[in-house]
Amino acid sequence: MDGLKPSGDAEEAHARSVQATAYLSYADLSNALGVEVSQGDESGRINATTSLPLVGYVTVSAAVSAASGNRIAFTDVRAVQGELLPPLKSLLDKALDEPIPLQNVPEGLRLRSVATTEDGIGARFTGRSVTFRPNSPSA
């Protein structure tokens, strides 16, 4: 942080510029998406696995990227294990089609990039004139 100063309100502070990183574990990502998520076989990709009784299971690989509005997007989805039958495809489409918004991002910070790691996704943020408040809503 550069130029961090308290404001007139004891509940907030402002920084002239900020570079920050955040981490989202695969367990947290799995809970948010409703499918089992793990590190993909290639850099910048995740694997998502789902199953249905009597239908079976499927694992797909998806590219992970930063999307506007401080969201993480999943694109270039391809089956890597199992058969992508219509009921399984529907579950995965529901989980991966819409970018997921990151919560509690201070006003003025913008998601610039994401990277997959062994245990989760690292997110890099930058911003100018950033306002910090307890329990900030998503930007």
N, C-alpha and C. Protein backbone atom coordinates (compact mmCIF):
# COMPACT_ATOMS: atom_id res chain seq x y z
N MET A 1 0.84 -1.18 0.00
CA MET A 1 0.00 0.00 0.00
C MET A 1 0.88 1.23 0.00
N ASP A 2 0.43 2.21 -0.71
CA ASP A 2 1.14 3.47 -0.77
C ASP A 2 0.17 4.56 -0.35
N GLY A 3 0.59 5.40 0.58
CA GLY A 3 -0.21 6.54 0.99
C GLY A 3 -1.43 6.17 1.81
N LEU A 4 -1.32 5.18 2.70
CA LEU A 4 -2.45 4.78 3.54
C LEU A 4 -2.70 5.84 4.61
N LYS A 5 -3.95 6.33 4.68
CA LYS A 5 -4.32 7.35 5.65
C LYS A 5 -5.71 7.05 6.19
N PRO A 6 -5.90 7.30 7.49
CA PRO A 6 -7.25 7.16 8.04
C PRO A 6 -8.12 8.30 7.51
N SER A 7 -9.42 8.06 7.44
CA SER A 7 -10.33 9.12 7.02
C SER A 7 -10.93 9.76 8.25
N GLY A 8 -11.85 10.67 8.06
CA GLY A 8 -12.54 11.30 9.18
C GLY A 8 -13.41 10.30 9.93
N ASP A 9 -13.79 9.23 9.27
CA ASP A 9 -14.60 8.17 9.87
C ASP A 9 -13.63 7.10 10.39
N ALA A 10 -13.73 6.76 11.67
CA ALA A 10 -12.84 5.78 12.27
C ALA A 10 -12.99 4.39 11.65
N GLU A 11 -14.04 4.20 10.87
CA GLU A 11 -14.31 2.90 10.29
C GLU A 11 -13.73 2.72 8.89
N GLU A 12 -12.99 3.70 8.36
CA GLU A 12 -12.42 3.52 7.04
C GLU A 12 -11.07 4.18 6.90
N ALA A 13 -10.33 3.71 5.90
CA ALA A 13 -9.03 4.27 5.57
C ALA A 13 -8.90 4.28 4.05
N HIS A 14 -8.03 5.14 3.56
CA HIS A 14 -7.83 5.28 2.11
C HIS A 14 -6.34 5.07 1.80
N ALA A 15 -6.08 4.44 0.66
CA ALA A 15 -4.71 4.28 0.17
C ALA A 15 -4.64 4.85 -1.23
N ARG A 16 -3.56 5.54 -1.51
CA ARG A 16 -3.36 6.13 -2.83
C ARG A 16 -3.25 5.02 -3.89
N SER A 17 -2.48 3.97 -3.60
CA SER A 17 -2.40 2.82 -4.51
C SER A 17 -2.16 1.55 -3.71
N VAL A 18 -2.62 0.43 -4.29
CA VAL A 18 -2.54 -0.86 -3.61
C VAL A 18 -2.23 -1.96 -4.61
N GLN A 19 -1.39 -2.88 -4.20
CA GLN A 19 -1.19 -4.14 -4.88
C GLN A 19 -1.47 -5.20 -3.84
N ALA A 20 -2.35 -6.15 -4.17
CA ALA A 20 -2.74 -7.15 -3.18
C ALA A 20 -2.92 -8.51 -3.85
N THR A 21 -2.78 -9.55 -3.06
CA THR A 21 -3.07 -10.90 -3.54
C THR A 21 -4.05 -11.54 -2.57
N ALA A 22 -4.84 -12.43 -3.11
CA ALA A 22 -5.80 -13.19 -2.31
C ALA A 22 -5.73 -14.64 -2.76
N TYR A 23 -6.25 -15.52 -1.95
CA TYR A 23 -6.18 -16.94 -2.22
C TYR A 23 -7.55 -17.57 -2.01
N LEU A 24 -7.96 -18.40 -2.94
CA LEU A 24 -9.22 -19.13 -2.85
C LEU A 24 -8.88 -20.61 -2.95
N SER A 25 -9.13 -21.36 -1.87
CA SER A 25 -8.80 -22.79 -1.87
C SER A 25 -9.75 -23.56 -2.78
N TYR A 26 -9.30 -24.71 -3.24
CA TYR A 26 -10.17 -25.55 -4.07
C TYR A 26 -11.37 -26.03 -3.27
N ALA A 27 -11.21 -26.23 -1.96
CA ALA A 27 -12.35 -26.62 -1.12
C ALA A 27 -13.41 -25.52 -1.11
N ASP A 28 -12.98 -24.26 -0.95
CA ASP A 28 -13.93 -23.14 -0.96
C ASP A 28 -14.56 -22.98 -2.34
N LEU A 29 -13.77 -23.15 -3.38
CA LEU A 29 -14.28 -23.05 -4.75
C LEU A 29 -15.30 -24.17 -5.02
N SER A 30 -15.00 -25.37 -4.53
CA SER A 30 -15.93 -26.50 -4.68
C SER A 30 -17.26 -26.19 -4.00
N ASN A 31 -17.21 -25.63 -2.80
CA ASN A 31 -18.44 -25.26 -2.09
C ASN A 31 -19.23 -24.20 -2.85
N ALA A 32 -18.54 -23.24 -3.42
CA ALA A 32 -19.21 -22.16 -4.14
C ALA A 32 -19.85 -22.66 -5.44
N LEU A 33 -19.19 -23.59 -6.13
CA LEU A 33 -19.68 -24.05 -7.42
C LEU A 33 -20.58 -25.27 -7.35
N GLY A 34 -20.49 -26.03 -6.27
CA GLY A 34 -21.32 -27.23 -6.14
C GLY A 34 -20.79 -28.44 -6.90
N VAL A 35 -19.54 -28.39 -7.32
CA VAL A 35 -18.86 -29.53 -7.95
C VAL A 35 -17.47 -29.62 -7.34
N GLU A 36 -16.85 -30.79 -7.41
CA GLU A 36 -15.51 -30.97 -6.85
C GLU A 36 -14.47 -30.35 -7.77
N VAL A 37 -13.69 -29.41 -7.23
CA VAL A 37 -12.70 -28.69 -8.03
C VAL A 37 -11.30 -29.04 -7.53
N SER A 38 -10.39 -29.23 -8.47
CA SER A 38 -8.99 -29.52 -8.14
C SER A 38 -8.10 -28.87 -9.19
N GLN A 39 -6.79 -28.93 -8.95
CA GLN A 39 -5.84 -28.37 -9.90
C GLN A 39 -5.91 -29.15 -11.21
N GLY A 40 -5.86 -28.45 -12.32
CA GLY A 40 -5.88 -29.10 -13.62
C GLY A 40 -4.53 -29.67 -13.99
N ASP A 41 -4.50 -30.41 -15.06
CA ASP A 41 -3.26 -31.02 -15.53
C ASP A 41 -2.36 -30.03 -16.24
N GLU A 42 -2.90 -28.87 -16.62
CA GLU A 42 -2.13 -27.83 -17.30
C GLU A 42 -2.16 -26.56 -16.46
N SER A 43 -1.15 -25.74 -16.62
CA SER A 43 -1.10 -24.45 -15.93
C SER A 43 -2.30 -23.60 -16.34
N GLY A 44 -2.92 -22.93 -15.35
CA GLY A 44 -4.03 -22.03 -15.64
C GLY A 44 -5.36 -22.73 -15.82
N ARG A 45 -5.43 -24.03 -15.48
CA ARG A 45 -6.67 -24.79 -15.64
C ARG A 45 -7.03 -25.49 -14.33
N ILE A 46 -8.34 -25.69 -14.16
CA ILE A 46 -8.85 -26.47 -13.04
C ILE A 46 -9.57 -27.69 -13.61
N ASN A 47 -9.73 -28.71 -12.76
CA ASN A 47 -10.58 -29.84 -13.09
C ASN A 47 -11.82 -29.74 -12.23
N ALA A 48 -12.97 -30.01 -12.81
CA ALA A 48 -14.24 -30.03 -12.08
C ALA A 48 -14.88 -31.39 -12.32
N THR A 49 -15.26 -32.06 -11.21
CA THR A 49 -15.84 -33.39 -11.29
C THR A 49 -17.22 -33.39 -10.67
N THR A 50 -18.15 -34.07 -11.34
CA THR A 50 -19.49 -34.23 -10.79
C THR A 50 -19.99 -35.62 -11.15
N SER A 51 -21.01 -36.08 -10.43
CA SER A 51 -21.57 -37.40 -10.71
C SER A 51 -23.05 -37.40 -10.38
N LEU A 52 -23.74 -38.36 -10.98
CA LEU A 52 -25.15 -38.60 -10.70
C LEU A 52 -25.36 -40.10 -10.59
N PRO A 53 -26.18 -40.55 -9.62
CA PRO A 53 -26.47 -41.98 -9.54
C PRO A 53 -27.05 -42.48 -10.86
N LEU A 54 -26.67 -43.66 -11.24
CA LEU A 54 -27.12 -44.33 -12.46
C LEU A 54 -26.61 -43.70 -13.75
N VAL A 55 -26.04 -42.51 -13.69
CA VAL A 55 -25.53 -41.85 -14.89
C VAL A 55 -24.00 -41.97 -14.94
N GLY A 56 -23.36 -41.82 -13.79
CA GLY A 56 -21.92 -41.91 -13.72
C GLY A 56 -21.29 -40.58 -13.33
N TYR A 57 -20.03 -40.45 -13.66
CA TYR A 57 -19.31 -39.23 -13.31
C TYR A 57 -18.55 -38.73 -14.53
N VAL A 58 -18.16 -37.48 -14.45
CA VAL A 58 -17.35 -36.89 -15.51
C VAL A 58 -16.45 -35.83 -14.88
N THR A 59 -15.26 -35.71 -15.43
CA THR A 59 -14.33 -34.65 -15.05
C THR A 59 -14.07 -33.81 -16.28
N VAL A 60 -14.19 -32.50 -16.12
CA VAL A 60 -13.86 -31.58 -17.20
C VAL A 60 -12.72 -30.69 -16.76
N SER A 61 -12.01 -30.16 -17.72
CA SER A 61 -10.94 -29.19 -17.50
C SER A 61 -11.45 -27.85 -17.99
N ALA A 62 -11.13 -26.78 -17.27
CA ALA A 62 -11.55 -25.44 -17.68
C ALA A 62 -10.42 -24.45 -17.42
N ALA A 63 -10.25 -23.52 -18.36
CA ALA A 63 -9.29 -22.44 -18.17
C ALA A 63 -9.86 -21.44 -17.17
N VAL A 64 -9.01 -20.89 -16.34
CA VAL A 64 -9.41 -19.93 -15.32
C VAL A 64 -8.86 -18.57 -15.69
N SER A 65 -9.72 -17.53 -15.60
CA SER A 65 -9.24 -16.19 -15.93
C SER A 65 -9.97 -15.14 -15.10
N ALA A 66 -9.38 -13.96 -15.04
CA ALA A 66 -10.01 -12.83 -14.38
C ALA A 66 -11.06 -12.25 -15.33
N ALA A 67 -12.24 -11.94 -14.78
CA ALA A 67 -13.32 -11.35 -15.57
C ALA A 67 -13.67 -9.99 -14.97
N SER A 68 -14.30 -9.14 -15.75
CA SER A 68 -14.68 -7.82 -15.25
C SER A 68 -15.59 -7.96 -14.04
N GLY A 69 -15.61 -6.92 -13.23
CA GLY A 69 -16.46 -6.93 -12.04
C GLY A 69 -15.90 -7.77 -10.92
N ASN A 70 -14.57 -7.97 -10.88
CA ASN A 70 -13.93 -8.77 -9.84
C ASN A 70 -14.53 -10.17 -9.76
N ARG A 71 -14.57 -10.82 -10.93
CA ARG A 71 -15.11 -12.17 -11.00
C ARG A 71 -14.08 -13.12 -11.62
N ILE A 72 -14.21 -14.40 -11.31
CA ILE A 72 -13.37 -15.44 -11.88
C ILE A 72 -14.21 -16.20 -12.89
N ALA A 73 -13.68 -16.32 -14.13
CA ALA A 73 -14.40 -16.99 -15.20
C ALA A 73 -13.75 -18.33 -15.54
N PHE A 74 -14.59 -19.24 -16.04
CA PHE A 74 -14.14 -20.57 -16.46
C PHE A 74 -14.53 -20.73 -17.93
N THR A 75 -13.53 -20.94 -18.79
CA THR A 75 -13.76 -21.04 -20.23
C THR A 75 -13.05 -22.27 -20.78
N ASP A 76 -13.26 -22.51 -22.07
CA ASP A 76 -12.60 -23.61 -22.77
C ASP A 76 -12.79 -24.92 -22.00
N VAL A 77 -14.04 -25.24 -21.70
CA VAL A 77 -14.37 -26.45 -20.94
C VAL A 77 -14.30 -27.66 -21.86
N ARG A 78 -13.56 -28.68 -21.40
CA ARG A 78 -13.45 -29.91 -22.18
C ARG A 78 -13.41 -31.13 -21.28
N ALA A 79 -14.09 -32.19 -21.70
CA ALA A 79 -14.13 -33.43 -20.93
C ALA A 79 -12.75 -34.07 -20.93
N VAL A 80 -12.30 -34.54 -19.76
CA VAL A 80 -11.01 -35.22 -19.67
C VAL A 80 -11.17 -36.65 -19.16
N GLN A 81 -12.29 -36.94 -18.50
CA GLN A 81 -12.52 -38.30 -18.00
C GLN A 81 -14.02 -38.54 -17.87
N GLY A 82 -14.49 -39.66 -18.34
CA GLY A 82 -15.90 -39.98 -18.31
C GLY A 82 -16.61 -39.41 -19.52
N GLU A 83 -17.88 -39.76 -19.65
CA GLU A 83 -18.68 -39.31 -20.79
C GLU A 83 -19.56 -38.14 -20.38
N LEU A 84 -19.53 -37.08 -21.13
CA LEU A 84 -20.27 -35.86 -20.81
C LEU A 84 -21.73 -36.02 -21.29
N LEU A 85 -22.49 -36.85 -20.57
CA LEU A 85 -23.90 -37.08 -20.88
C LEU A 85 -24.71 -35.84 -20.55
N PRO A 86 -25.87 -35.65 -21.19
CA PRO A 86 -26.67 -34.43 -20.98
C PRO A 86 -26.93 -34.05 -19.51
N PRO A 87 -27.30 -34.99 -18.61
CA PRO A 87 -27.54 -34.56 -17.22
C PRO A 87 -26.27 -34.05 -16.54
N LEU A 88 -25.13 -34.67 -16.83
CA LEU A 88 -23.87 -34.23 -16.25
C LEU A 88 -23.43 -32.90 -16.87
N LYS A 89 -23.60 -32.77 -18.16
CA LYS A 89 -23.26 -31.51 -18.85
C LYS A 89 -24.07 -30.36 -18.26
N SER A 90 -25.34 -30.61 -17.98
CA SER A 90 -26.21 -29.58 -17.41
C SER A 90 -25.69 -29.12 -16.04
N LEU A 91 -25.28 -30.07 -15.20
CA LEU A 91 -24.73 -29.73 -13.88
C LEU A 91 -23.47 -28.88 -14.01
N LEU A 92 -22.59 -29.29 -14.90
CA LEU A 92 -21.33 -28.56 -15.07
C LEU A 92 -21.54 -27.20 -15.72
N ASP A 93 -22.46 -27.13 -16.69
CA ASP A 93 -22.78 -25.84 -17.30
C ASP A 93 -23.28 -24.87 -16.25
N LYS A 94 -24.16 -25.35 -15.37
CA LYS A 94 -24.70 -24.49 -14.31
C LYS A 94 -23.59 -23.99 -13.39
N ALA A 95 -22.62 -24.85 -13.09
CA ALA A 95 -21.54 -24.49 -12.18
C ALA A 95 -20.51 -23.56 -12.82
N LEU A 96 -20.22 -23.77 -14.12
CA LEU A 96 -19.09 -23.07 -14.74
C LEU A 96 -19.45 -21.98 -15.73
N ASP A 97 -20.70 -21.90 -16.15
CA ASP A 97 -21.07 -20.91 -17.18
C ASP A 97 -20.93 -19.46 -16.74
N GLU A 98 -21.35 -19.15 -15.55
CA GLU A 98 -21.31 -17.76 -15.07
C GLU A 98 -20.05 -17.51 -14.24
N PRO A 99 -19.33 -16.44 -14.50
CA PRO A 99 -18.19 -16.10 -13.64
C PRO A 99 -18.64 -15.91 -12.20
N ILE A 100 -17.80 -16.31 -11.25
CA ILE A 100 -18.18 -16.17 -9.85
C ILE A 100 -17.61 -14.85 -9.29
N PRO A 101 -18.46 -14.08 -8.62
CA PRO A 101 -17.99 -12.80 -8.06
C PRO A 101 -17.21 -13.03 -6.77
N LEU A 102 -16.16 -12.28 -6.60
CA LEU A 102 -15.39 -12.33 -5.35
C LEU A 102 -16.03 -11.36 -4.37
N GLN A 103 -16.14 -11.78 -3.13
CA GLN A 103 -16.82 -11.00 -2.10
C GLN A 103 -15.83 -10.16 -1.28
N ASN A 104 -16.33 -9.11 -0.71
CA ASN A 104 -15.58 -8.26 0.24
C ASN A 104 -14.30 -7.66 -0.35
N VAL A 105 -14.36 -7.26 -1.60
CA VAL A 105 -13.23 -6.60 -2.24
C VAL A 105 -13.37 -5.10 -1.97
N PRO A 106 -12.34 -4.48 -1.34
CA PRO A 106 -12.43 -3.05 -1.06
C PRO A 106 -12.68 -2.21 -2.31
N GLU A 107 -13.42 -1.14 -2.12
CA GLU A 107 -13.74 -0.22 -3.22
C GLU A 107 -12.47 0.33 -3.82
N GLY A 108 -12.34 0.22 -5.13
CA GLY A 108 -11.17 0.73 -5.83
C GLY A 108 -10.20 -0.36 -6.24
N LEU A 109 -10.31 -1.57 -5.69
CA LEU A 109 -9.44 -2.67 -6.09
C LEU A 109 -10.06 -3.41 -7.26
N ARG A 110 -9.23 -3.81 -8.21
CA ARG A 110 -9.70 -4.54 -9.38
C ARG A 110 -8.88 -5.81 -9.57
N LEU A 111 -9.58 -6.89 -9.85
CA LEU A 111 -8.92 -8.16 -10.12
C LEU A 111 -8.19 -8.06 -11.45
N ARG A 112 -6.89 -8.31 -11.44
CA ARG A 112 -6.08 -8.19 -12.65
C ARG A 112 -5.72 -9.54 -13.26
N SER A 113 -5.45 -10.54 -12.41
CA SER A 113 -5.08 -11.84 -12.94
C SER A 113 -5.33 -12.92 -11.90
N VAL A 114 -5.42 -14.15 -12.37
CA VAL A 114 -5.55 -15.31 -11.49
C VAL A 114 -4.56 -16.36 -11.96
N ALA A 115 -4.14 -17.22 -11.02
CA ALA A 115 -3.22 -18.31 -11.34
C ALA A 115 -3.59 -19.52 -10.50
N THR A 116 -3.54 -20.68 -11.12
CA THR A 116 -3.83 -21.90 -10.38
C THR A 116 -2.57 -22.36 -9.65
N THR A 117 -2.77 -22.94 -8.49
CA THR A 117 -1.68 -23.52 -7.70
C THR A 117 -2.10 -24.92 -7.30
N GLU A 118 -1.25 -25.59 -6.57
CA GLU A 118 -1.55 -26.94 -6.11
C GLU A 118 -2.79 -26.98 -5.22
N ASP A 119 -2.99 -25.93 -4.41
CA ASP A 119 -4.07 -25.93 -3.42
C ASP A 119 -5.22 -24.99 -3.70
N GLY A 120 -5.12 -24.15 -4.73
CA GLY A 120 -6.20 -23.21 -4.98
C GLY A 120 -5.85 -22.22 -6.07
N ILE A 121 -6.57 -21.11 -6.06
CA ILE A 121 -6.38 -20.07 -7.06
C ILE A 121 -5.88 -18.81 -6.37
N GLY A 122 -4.78 -18.27 -6.89
CA GLY A 122 -4.26 -17.01 -6.40
C GLY A 122 -4.80 -15.89 -7.27
N ALA A 123 -5.18 -14.80 -6.65
CA ALA A 123 -5.75 -13.66 -7.37
C ALA A 123 -4.90 -12.42 -7.08
N ARG A 124 -4.59 -11.67 -8.14
CA ARG A 124 -3.80 -10.43 -7.98
C ARG A 124 -4.69 -9.24 -8.27
N PHE A 125 -4.68 -8.29 -7.33
CA PHE A 125 -5.49 -7.07 -7.43
C PHE A 125 -4.57 -5.86 -7.44
N THR A 126 -5.01 -4.81 -8.12
CA THR A 126 -4.36 -3.51 -8.03
C THR A 126 -5.44 -2.45 -7.96
N GLY A 127 -5.07 -1.30 -7.46
CA GLY A 127 -6.04 -0.22 -7.43
C GLY A 127 -5.42 1.10 -7.04
N ARG A 128 -6.14 2.16 -7.37
CA ARG A 128 -5.76 3.52 -6.99
C ARG A 128 -6.93 4.10 -6.23
N SER A 129 -6.63 4.90 -5.24
CA SER A 129 -7.65 5.53 -4.41
C SER A 129 -8.60 4.45 -3.85
N VAL A 130 -8.01 3.54 -3.08
CA VAL A 130 -8.74 2.39 -2.54
C VAL A 130 -9.26 2.74 -1.15
N THR A 131 -10.53 2.41 -0.90
CA THR A 131 -11.16 2.65 0.39
C THR A 131 -11.34 1.33 1.11
N PHE A 132 -10.83 1.26 2.34
CA PHE A 132 -10.96 0.06 3.17
C PHE A 132 -11.99 0.32 4.26
N ARG A 133 -12.95 -0.57 4.37
CA ARG A 133 -13.98 -0.52 5.41
C ARG A 133 -14.14 -1.93 5.96
N PRO A 134 -14.52 -2.05 7.23
CA PRO A 134 -14.82 -3.39 7.74
C PRO A 134 -15.96 -3.99 6.93
N ASN A 135 -15.83 -5.25 6.57
CA ASN A 135 -16.88 -5.96 5.82
C ASN A 135 -17.29 -5.22 4.56
N SER A 136 -16.31 -4.77 3.79
CA SER A 136 -16.60 -4.05 2.53
C SER A 136 -17.46 -4.92 1.62
N PRO A 137 -18.46 -4.33 0.99
CA PRO A 137 -19.22 -5.09 -0.02
C PRO A 137 -18.36 -5.30 -1.25
N SER A 138 -18.75 -6.21 -2.11
CA SER A 138 -18.00 -6.44 -3.35
C SER A 138 -18.02 -5.18 -4.19
N ALA A 139 -16.90 -4.95 -4.85
CA ALA A 139 -16.80 -3.77 -5.71
C ALA A 139 -17.43 -4.05 -7.05
